[in-house]
C-alpha atoms as a PDB file:
ATOM      1  CA  MET A   1      23.447  90.151 105.236  1.00  0.00           C
ATOM      2  CA  ILE A   2      24.182  93.442 103.507  1.00  0.00           C
ATOM      3  CA  ARG A   3      23.378  91.886 100.137  1.00  0.00           C
ATOM      4  CA  ALA A   4      19.970  90.716 101.372  1.00  0.00           C
ATOM      5  CA  LEU A   5      19.149  94.214 102.613  1.00  0.00           C
ATOM      6  CA  LEU A   6      20.150  95.755  99.282  1.00  0.00           C
ATOM      7  CA  ILE A   7      18.056  93.240  97.343  1.00  0.00           C
ATOM      8  CA  THR A   8      15.069  93.909  99.592  1.00  0.00           C
ATOM      9  CA  ALA A   9      15.462  97.663  99.119  1.00  0.00           C
ATOM     10  CA  LEU A  10      15.721  97.302  95.340  1.00  0.00           C
ATOM     11  CA  LEU A  11      12.647  95.076  95.200  1.00  0.00           C
ATOM     12  CA  GLY A  12      10.735  97.564  97.331  1.00  0.00           C
ATOM     13  CA  LEU A  13      11.659 100.418  95.006  1.00  0.00           C
ATOM     14  CA  ALA A  14      10.797  98.356  91.943  1.00  0.00           C
ATOM     15  CA  ALA A  15       7.397  97.452  93.406  1.00  0.00           C
ATOM     16  CA  CYS A  16       6.523 101.074  94.169  1.00  0.00           C
ATOM     17  CA  GLY A  17       8.111 102.768  91.183  1.00  0.00           C
ATOM     18  CA  ALA A  18       9.626 106.246  91.270  1.00  0.00           C
ATOM     19  CA  ASP A  19       6.219 107.945  91.434  1.00  0.00           C
ATOM     20  CA  GLY A  20       4.599 105.393  93.731  1.00  0.00           C
ATOM     21  CA  GLU A  21       2.693 103.515  91.015  1.00  0.00           C
ATOM     22  CA  PRO A  22       3.291  99.807  90.397  1.00  0.00           C
ATOM     23  CA  ILE A  23       5.521  99.111  87.387  1.00  0.00           C
ATOM     24  CA  ARG A  24       3.884  95.777  86.580  1.00  0.00           C
ATOM     25  CA  PRO A  25       0.098  95.940  86.092  1.00  0.00           C
ATOM     26  CA  GLY A  26      -1.514  93.001  87.823  1.00  0.00           C
ATOM     27  CA  SER A  27       1.157  92.787  90.509  1.00  0.00           C
ATOM     28  CA  ALA A  28       0.212  91.448  93.936  1.00  0.00           C
ATOM     29  CA  GLU A  29      -0.042  94.929  95.451  1.00  0.00           C
ATOM     30  CA  ASP A  30      -2.130  96.234  92.552  1.00  0.00           C
ATOM     31  CA  VAL A  31      -4.552  93.309  92.691  1.00  0.00           C
ATOM     32  CA  ALA A  32      -4.874  93.660  96.466  1.00  0.00           C
ATOM     33  CA  ALA A  33      -5.630  97.388  96.095  1.00  0.00           C
ATOM     34  CA  GLN A  34      -8.482  96.618  93.731  1.00  0.00           C
END
């Protein structure tokens, strides 16, 4: 349970990036924004 929450948090941070921009260009969020 705890591990799943930590993984979800890490994925969320990785998706947003430190400054709020996606790390991977062409990610699902980036494509949806365009």
